[in-house]
């Protein structure tokens, strides 16, 4: 059994973590620390202790893993405290504010023989897993281009921000999803072209980014905007022999926002209308269109991997090197904005 505690009792904990953890018989949630109990807006979970005393979580000998679900400006301080109390640590994304902080935290964990990693749950998005299945099926041929889009139409968000803060940028807040997907599957790029903008002008929020990551002849583009009335396809993949288009995103977040939880059998599951289309030319020159059944996503697989690493000693799948590389890319992307 893996016994865990949480720091933070807001949306992240209750929407993106607990619904998956509570499904798993080999994980027990013992204690949740909330900094501002007067602001609690989520229903309490039966059998879980709620506290406003952080030491109650840090000093509990039963708790092996502490999950940090607070604003990322506090991640460094909390992670350091957790490790200094000899607990393993899972940290929401973006992992830290700087790559130097990330390196320091990873070094401390290594020194103490502990595990610390980022909660990169979007590795287990249905659309991303389906793209991998199509690529590995071979019908696309040699890969030439991958486009990844994560669009919103929420102008009220950047319009409400009157100053620029690198750590609160759109690239930090959303690029940490898609960049981790690229790094986890394709590795470290040869070079990167950055187009990171403040569409409302200098001194305003970063609300757009378009990063091109190059791997030899392959270009992987990560694009996102707050000003897209019509979303672009989630994934577009081009190879020498074909193309694959996945128009819709993974549905887990959509269902979670509706409080339709993972204990429902069809939670997060694509139906026929959500499936992607593979178009390719075979060896005889015949063009084929195939509807590709989506691979099911499951954010809880992050916890499955952690269980295997902490309890059974397996290597963790979200590596220190991948997380540091992501932090370095984020830093460079916003470096020249003001």
Protein backbone atom coordinates (compact mmCIF):
# COMPACT_ATOMS: atom_id res chain seq x y z
CA UNK A 1 0.00 0.00 0.00
CA UNK A 2 1.21 3.50 -0.88
CA UNK A 3 0.03 6.09 1.66
CA UNK A 4 -0.07 9.69 0.51
CA UNK A 5 -0.85 13.18 1.74
CA UNK A 6 -1.65 16.37 -0.14
CA UNK A 7 -0.55 19.96 0.23
CA UNK A 8 -3.40 22.00 -1.20
CA UNK A 9 -7.14 21.36 -1.32
CA UNK A 10 -8.20 23.30 -4.40
CA UNK A 11 -9.15 22.50 -7.97
CA UNK A 12 -5.94 20.67 -8.81
CA UNK A 13 -6.20 18.24 -5.89
CA UNK A 14 -9.91 17.61 -6.19
CA UNK A 15 -10.34 17.62 -9.97
CA UNK A 16 -7.12 16.23 -11.43
CA UNK A 17 -5.74 13.97 -8.69
CA UNK A 18 -8.24 12.55 -6.21
CA UNK A 19 -10.79 11.21 -8.74
CA UNK A 20 -8.09 8.88 -10.09
CA UNK A 21 -6.30 8.05 -6.86
CA UNK A 22 -9.50 7.05 -5.08
CA UNK A 23 -10.10 4.42 -7.76
CA UNK A 24 -6.90 2.59 -6.88
CA UNK A 25 -6.99 -0.10 -4.19
CA UNK A 26 -3.21 0.03 -3.67
CA UNK A 27 -3.14 3.74 -2.74
CA UNK A 28 -4.50 5.32 0.43
CA UNK A 29 -5.09 9.05 0.88
CA UNK A 30 -4.55 9.79 4.57
CA UNK A 31 -4.30 13.56 5.04
CA UNK A 32 -4.95 16.75 3.10
CA UNK A 33 -3.40 20.02 4.25
CA UNK A 34 -5.29 23.15 3.26
CA UNK A 35 -3.78 26.54 3.89
CA UNK A 36 -7.09 28.41 3.96
CA UNK A 37 -9.86 26.18 5.37
CA UNK A 38 -12.31 29.09 5.25
CA UNK A 39 -12.05 28.96 1.46
CA UNK A 40 -12.81 25.24 1.14
CA UNK A 41 -15.35 24.71 -1.64
CA UNK A 42 -14.98 20.97 -2.30
CA UNK A 43 -16.83 18.20 -0.50
CA UNK A 44 -14.76 16.39 2.11
CA UNK A 45 -13.87 12.77 1.43
CA UNK A 46 -14.92 10.20 3.97
CA UNK A 47 -11.99 8.64 5.82
CA UNK A 48 -9.53 11.41 4.92
CA UNK A 49 -8.13 13.75 7.59
CA UNK A 50 -8.19 17.48 6.79
CA UNK A 51 -5.73 19.70 8.62
CA UNK A 52 -4.40 23.25 8.73
CA UNK A 53 -1.18 22.09 10.38
CA UNK A 54 1.43 21.32 7.74
CA UNK A 55 3.58 19.45 10.27
CA UNK A 56 0.79 16.92 10.63
CA UNK A 57 1.48 15.82 7.05
CA UNK A 58 5.26 16.29 7.02
CA UNK A 59 5.85 14.36 10.26
CA UNK A 60 3.39 11.50 9.78
CA UNK A 61 5.45 8.26 9.64
CA UNK A 62 2.68 6.51 7.68
CA UNK A 63 2.79 8.95 4.76
CA UNK A 64 5.34 7.95 2.12
CA UNK A 65 4.46 10.38 -0.67
CA UNK A 66 3.34 14.01 -0.45
CA UNK A 67 1.68 15.62 -3.47
CA UNK A 68 2.05 19.39 -3.92
CA UNK A 69 -1.00 20.98 -5.57
CA UNK A 70 -0.47 24.69 -4.94
CA UNK A 71 0.49 27.65 -7.12
CA UNK A 72 3.84 27.00 -8.75
CA UNK A 73 5.44 29.98 -7.02
CA UNK A 74 5.34 27.83 -3.85
CA UNK A 75 6.47 24.54 -5.41
CA UNK A 76 10.16 25.01 -4.64
CA UNK A 77 9.68 25.80 -0.94
CA UNK A 78 7.18 23.00 -0.35
CA UNK A 79 9.19 20.41 -2.29
CA UNK A 80 12.28 21.26 -0.27
CA UNK A 81 10.37 20.84 3.00
CA UNK A 82 8.89 17.53 1.88
CA UNK A 83 12.28 16.10 0.92
CA UNK A 84 13.91 17.38 4.10
CA UNK A 85 11.26 15.41 6.01
CA UNK A 86 12.29 12.29 4.09
CA UNK A 87 9.12 11.95 2.03
CA UNK A 88 8.82 11.22 -1.68
CA UNK A 89 7.28 14.11 -3.59
CA UNK A 90 4.99 14.62 -6.58
CA UNK A 91 4.69 18.22 -7.80
CA UNK A 92 2.01 19.73 -10.02
CA UNK A 93 3.16 21.43 -13.21
CA UNK A 94 4.88 23.64 -14.06
CA UNK A 95 7.34 21.84 -11.81
CA UNK A 96 9.29 24.91 -10.64
CA UNK A 97 9.77 28.53 -11.65
CA UNK A 98 13.31 28.00 -12.97
CA UNK A 99 15.52 25.20 -14.19
CA UNK A 100 18.02 26.01 -11.42
CA UNK A 101 15.33 25.34 -8.82
CA UNK A 102 14.48 22.07 -10.57
CA UNK A 103 18.12 20.96 -10.58
CA UNK A 104 18.48 21.81 -6.87
CA UNK A 105 15.36 19.83 -5.94
CA UNK A 106 16.42 16.81 -8.00
CA UNK A 107 19.91 16.94 -6.43
CA UNK A 108 18.42 17.05 -2.92
CA UNK A 109 16.18 14.07 -3.69
CA UNK A 110 19.12 12.09 -5.04
CA UNK A 111 21.21 12.94 -1.98
CA UNK A 112 18.46 11.65 0.31
CA UNK A 113 17.56 8.61 -1.79
CA UNK A 114 14.05 9.89 -2.49
CA UNK A 115 11.85 10.25 -5.54
CA UNK A 116 10.56 13.61 -6.75
CA UNK A 117 8.85 14.22 -10.07
CA UNK A 118 6.39 16.41 -11.94
CA UNK A 119 2.74 15.45 -12.41
CA UNK A 120 2.82 15.17 -16.20
CA UNK A 121 -0.58 13.54 -16.53
CA UNK A 122 -1.06 14.74 -20.11
CA UNK A 123 1.27 11.97 -21.25
CA UNK A 124 -1.83 9.86 -20.79
CA UNK A 125 -4.17 11.94 -22.94
CA UNK A 126 -6.20 9.85 -25.36
CA UNK A 127 -5.32 11.97 -28.41
CA UNK A 128 -1.58 11.80 -27.69
CA UNK A 129 -1.69 8.02 -27.10
CA UNK A 130 -3.68 7.57 -30.32
CA UNK A 131 -1.11 9.55 -32.31
CA UNK A 132 1.61 7.27 -30.97
CA UNK A 133 -0.40 4.23 -32.07
CA UNK A 134 -0.78 5.64 -35.59
CA UNK A 135 2.90 6.58 -35.90
CA UNK A 136 4.02 3.16 -34.72
CA UNK A 137 1.58 1.49 -37.12
CA UNK A 138 3.92 2.54 -39.95
CA UNK A 139 1.33 3.59 -42.55
CA UNK A 140 2.41 7.24 -42.41
CA UNK A 141 5.94 6.36 -43.52
CA UNK A 142 8.84 8.52 -42.41
CA UNK A 143 7.58 11.36 -40.24
CA UNK A 144 7.91 14.89 -41.63
CA UNK A 145 5.74 17.13 -39.47
CA UNK A 146 3.64 17.00 -36.30
CA UNK A 147 1.36 19.87 -35.26
CA UNK A 148 -0.03 20.00 -31.73
CA UNK A 149 -2.67 22.60 -30.91
CA UNK A 150 -4.16 23.59 -27.60
CA UNK A 151 -6.54 26.49 -28.22
CA UNK A 152 -9.05 28.52 -26.25
CA UNK A 153 -11.26 31.50 -26.81
CA UNK A 154 -10.90 33.21 -23.44
CA UNK A 155 -9.97 36.83 -24.16
CA UNK A 156 -11.14 37.83 -20.68
CA UNK A 157 -8.10 36.06 -19.20
CA UNK A 158 -5.31 38.08 -20.90
CA UNK A 159 -7.47 41.22 -20.89
CA UNK A 160 -7.64 41.08 -17.09
CA UNK A 161 -3.84 41.03 -16.69
CA UNK A 162 -2.05 44.40 -16.82
CA UNK A 163 1.57 43.30 -16.28
CA UNK A 164 3.93 40.59 -17.45
CA UNK A 165 5.19 37.88 -15.12
CA UNK A 166 7.29 35.12 -16.75
CA UNK A 167 6.20 32.47 -14.25
CA UNK A 168 2.52 33.35 -14.84
CA UNK A 169 2.83 33.28 -18.64
CA UNK A 170 0.63 31.22 -20.95
CA UNK A 171 3.71 29.31 -22.10
CA UNK A 172 4.48 28.22 -18.52
CA UNK A 173 0.88 27.41 -17.68
CA UNK A 174 0.00 25.48 -20.84
CA UNK A 175 3.20 24.77 -22.72
CA UNK A 176 4.20 22.50 -19.84
CA UNK A 177 1.49 20.07 -21.06
CA UNK A 178 2.40 19.76 -24.71
CA UNK A 179 6.16 20.25 -24.37
CA UNK A 180 6.33 17.29 -22.02
CA UNK A 181 4.46 15.18 -24.57
CA UNK A 182 7.03 16.11 -27.24
CA UNK A 183 10.02 15.51 -24.98
CA UNK A 184 8.66 12.21 -23.66
CA UNK A 185 8.13 10.77 -27.15
CA UNK A 186 10.69 12.44 -29.39
CA UNK A 187 13.45 13.32 -26.90
CA UNK A 188 15.71 16.36 -26.90
CA UNK A 189 15.39 18.43 -30.11
CA UNK A 190 18.34 19.50 -32.24
CA UNK A 191 17.15 23.10 -32.05
CA UNK A 192 14.01 25.15 -31.38
CA UNK A 193 12.42 28.19 -33.02
CA UNK A 194 10.41 30.32 -30.57
CA UNK A 195 7.46 32.57 -31.41
CA UNK A 196 6.06 33.66 -28.04
CA UNK A 197 3.84 36.73 -28.11
CA UNK A 198 1.87 39.25 -26.10
CA UNK A 199 -1.03 39.82 -28.50
CA UNK A 200 -2.34 42.71 -26.38
CA UNK A 201 1.03 44.46 -26.43
CA UNK A 202 4.24 44.75 -24.44
CA UNK A 203 3.78 44.71 -20.69
CA UNK A 204 0.74 42.46 -20.94
CA UNK A 205 0.24 38.75 -20.44
CA UNK A 206 1.86 36.24 -22.79
CA UNK A 207 -1.24 34.82 -24.52
CA UNK A 208 0.16 33.01 -27.58
CA UNK A 209 3.01 30.66 -28.40
CA UNK A 210 4.23 28.71 -31.40
CA UNK A 211 7.34 26.60 -30.84
CA UNK A 212 8.95 24.54 -33.61
CA UNK A 213 11.16 21.71 -32.34
CA UNK A 214 13.43 20.12 -34.94
CA UNK A 215 14.57 16.49 -34.99
CA UNK A 216 16.59 16.05 -38.18
CA UNK A 217 14.04 16.39 -41.00
CA UNK A 218 11.08 16.19 -38.58
CA UNK A 219 9.46 19.38 -37.29
CA UNK A 220 7.18 19.21 -34.26
CA UNK A 221 5.10 22.38 -33.73
CA UNK A 222 3.48 23.20 -30.39
CA UNK A 223 0.90 25.95 -30.80
CA UNK A 224 -1.58 27.59 -28.45
CA UNK A 225 -3.64 30.77 -28.20
CA UNK A 226 -6.26 32.41 -25.99
CA UNK A 227 -7.84 34.02 -29.07
CA UNK A 228 -9.06 31.09 -31.19
CA UNK A 229 -12.83 31.20 -31.65
CA UNK A 230 -12.55 27.98 -33.64
CA UNK A 231 -10.04 25.48 -32.31
CA UNK A 232 -7.48 23.96 -34.62
CA UNK A 233 -7.25 20.14 -34.69
CA UNK A 234 -5.65 18.67 -31.59
CA UNK A 235 -3.06 16.80 -33.69
CA UNK A 236 -2.09 16.82 -37.36
CA UNK A 237 0.64 14.37 -38.37
CA UNK A 238 2.24 14.18 -41.81
CA UNK A 239 4.53 11.46 -43.10
CA UNK A 240 5.94 10.63 -46.53
CA UNK A 241 3.06 8.22 -47.18
CA UNK A 242 0.12 9.75 -45.35
CA UNK A 243 -1.48 12.06 -42.83
CA UNK A 244 -3.44 11.66 -39.61
CA UNK A 245 -5.82 14.27 -38.21
CA UNK A 246 -7.25 14.06 -34.67
CA UNK A 247 -9.68 16.95 -34.47
CA UNK A 248 -10.74 16.70 -30.82
CA UNK A 249 -8.79 16.71 -27.57
CA UNK A 250 -8.74 14.10 -24.83
CA UNK A 251 -12.11 14.18 -23.02
CA UNK A 252 -11.01 13.53 -19.44
CA UNK A 253 -10.84 17.22 -18.52
CA UNK A 254 -14.17 17.85 -20.26
CA UNK A 255 -15.82 15.19 -18.10
CA UNK A 256 -14.08 16.26 -14.89
CA UNK A 257 -15.36 19.82 -15.32
CA UNK A 258 -18.87 18.38 -15.53
CA UNK A 259 -18.24 16.31 -12.35
CA UNK A 260 -18.63 13.17 -14.45
CA UNK A 261 -16.03 11.05 -12.71
CA UNK A 262 -13.75 8.10 -13.57
CA UNK A 263 -16.02 5.60 -11.83
CA UNK A 264 -18.28 5.88 -14.89
CA UNK A 265 -17.37 3.25 -17.49
CA UNK A 266 -17.47 5.74 -20.37
CA UNK A 267 -15.48 8.43 -18.53
CA UNK A 268 -13.15 10.21 -20.94
CA UNK A 269 -13.88 7.71 -23.71
CA UNK A 270 -14.06 8.90 -27.31
CA UNK A 271 -17.07 7.93 -29.38
CA UNK A 272 -17.09 7.52 -33.17
CA UNK A 273 -17.48 11.25 -33.75
CA UNK A 274 -14.22 11.91 -31.87
CA UNK A 275 -12.08 9.37 -33.74
CA UNK A 276 -9.24 10.59 -35.95
CA UNK A 277 -8.83 9.89 -39.66
CA UNK A 278 -5.74 8.31 -41.23
CA UNK A 279 -5.22 8.92 -44.95
CA UNK A 280 -2.37 7.07 -46.63
CA UNK A 281 -1.11 5.74 -49.96
CA UNK A 282 -0.23 2.04 -50.11
CA UNK A 283 2.52 0.38 -52.17
CA UNK A 284 0.18 0.04 -55.14
CA UNK A 285 -0.62 3.75 -55.09
CA UNK A 286 -4.13 3.32 -53.72
CA UNK A 287 -5.35 6.02 -51.34
CA UNK A 288 -7.06 4.82 -48.15
CA UNK A 289 -9.10 6.65 -45.51
CA UNK A 290 -9.28 4.89 -42.16
CA UNK A 291 -11.15 5.92 -39.03
CA UNK A 292 -8.85 5.19 -36.09
CA UNK A 293 -10.40 4.13 -32.79
CA UNK A 294 -8.95 6.24 -29.99
CA UNK A 295 -6.75 4.79 -27.29
CA UNK A 296 -8.30 5.35 -23.87
CA UNK A 297 -6.57 7.94 -21.70
CA UNK A 298 -6.06 7.74 -17.93
CA UNK A 299 -4.41 10.45 -15.85
CA UNK A 300 -4.17 7.97 -12.99
CA UNK A 301 -1.36 6.16 -14.77
CA UNK A 302 1.04 8.72 -13.26
CA UNK A 303 0.15 7.25 -9.87
CA UNK A 304 0.51 3.68 -11.18
CA UNK A 305 4.06 4.51 -12.25
CA UNK A 306 4.80 6.15 -8.89
CA UNK A 307 3.52 3.09 -7.04
CA UNK A 308 5.83 0.86 -9.06
CA UNK A 309 8.79 3.18 -8.44
CA UNK A 310 8.26 3.70 -4.70
CA UNK A 311 6.95 0.27 -3.68
CA UNK A 312 8.63 -2.01 -6.23
CA UNK A 313 11.79 -0.05 -7.00
CA UNK A 314 11.19 0.42 -10.73
CA UNK A 315 12.61 3.39 -12.63
CA UNK A 316 10.29 6.38 -12.78
CA UNK A 317 9.02 7.19 -16.26
CA UNK A 318 8.99 11.00 -15.93
CA UNK A 319 12.72 11.60 -15.62
CA UNK A 320 14.69 14.44 -14.05
CA UNK A 321 16.39 15.16 -17.38
CA UNK A 322 13.08 15.52 -19.21
CA UNK A 323 11.72 17.91 -16.58
CA UNK A 324 14.87 20.07 -16.51
CA UNK A 325 14.85 20.27 -20.33
CA UNK A 326 11.22 21.40 -20.26
CA UNK A 327 12.00 24.08 -17.66
CA UNK A 328 14.91 25.34 -19.77
CA UNK A 329 12.66 25.59 -22.86
CA UNK A 330 10.04 27.50 -20.89
CA UNK A 331 12.66 29.91 -19.54
CA UNK A 332 14.10 30.64 -22.97
CA UNK A 333 10.64 31.09 -24.45
CA UNK A 334 9.71 34.01 -22.17
CA UNK A 335 13.21 35.42 -21.66
CA UNK A 336 12.84 38.42 -23.98
CA UNK A 337 9.26 39.38 -23.04
CA UNK A 338 8.62 42.42 -20.84
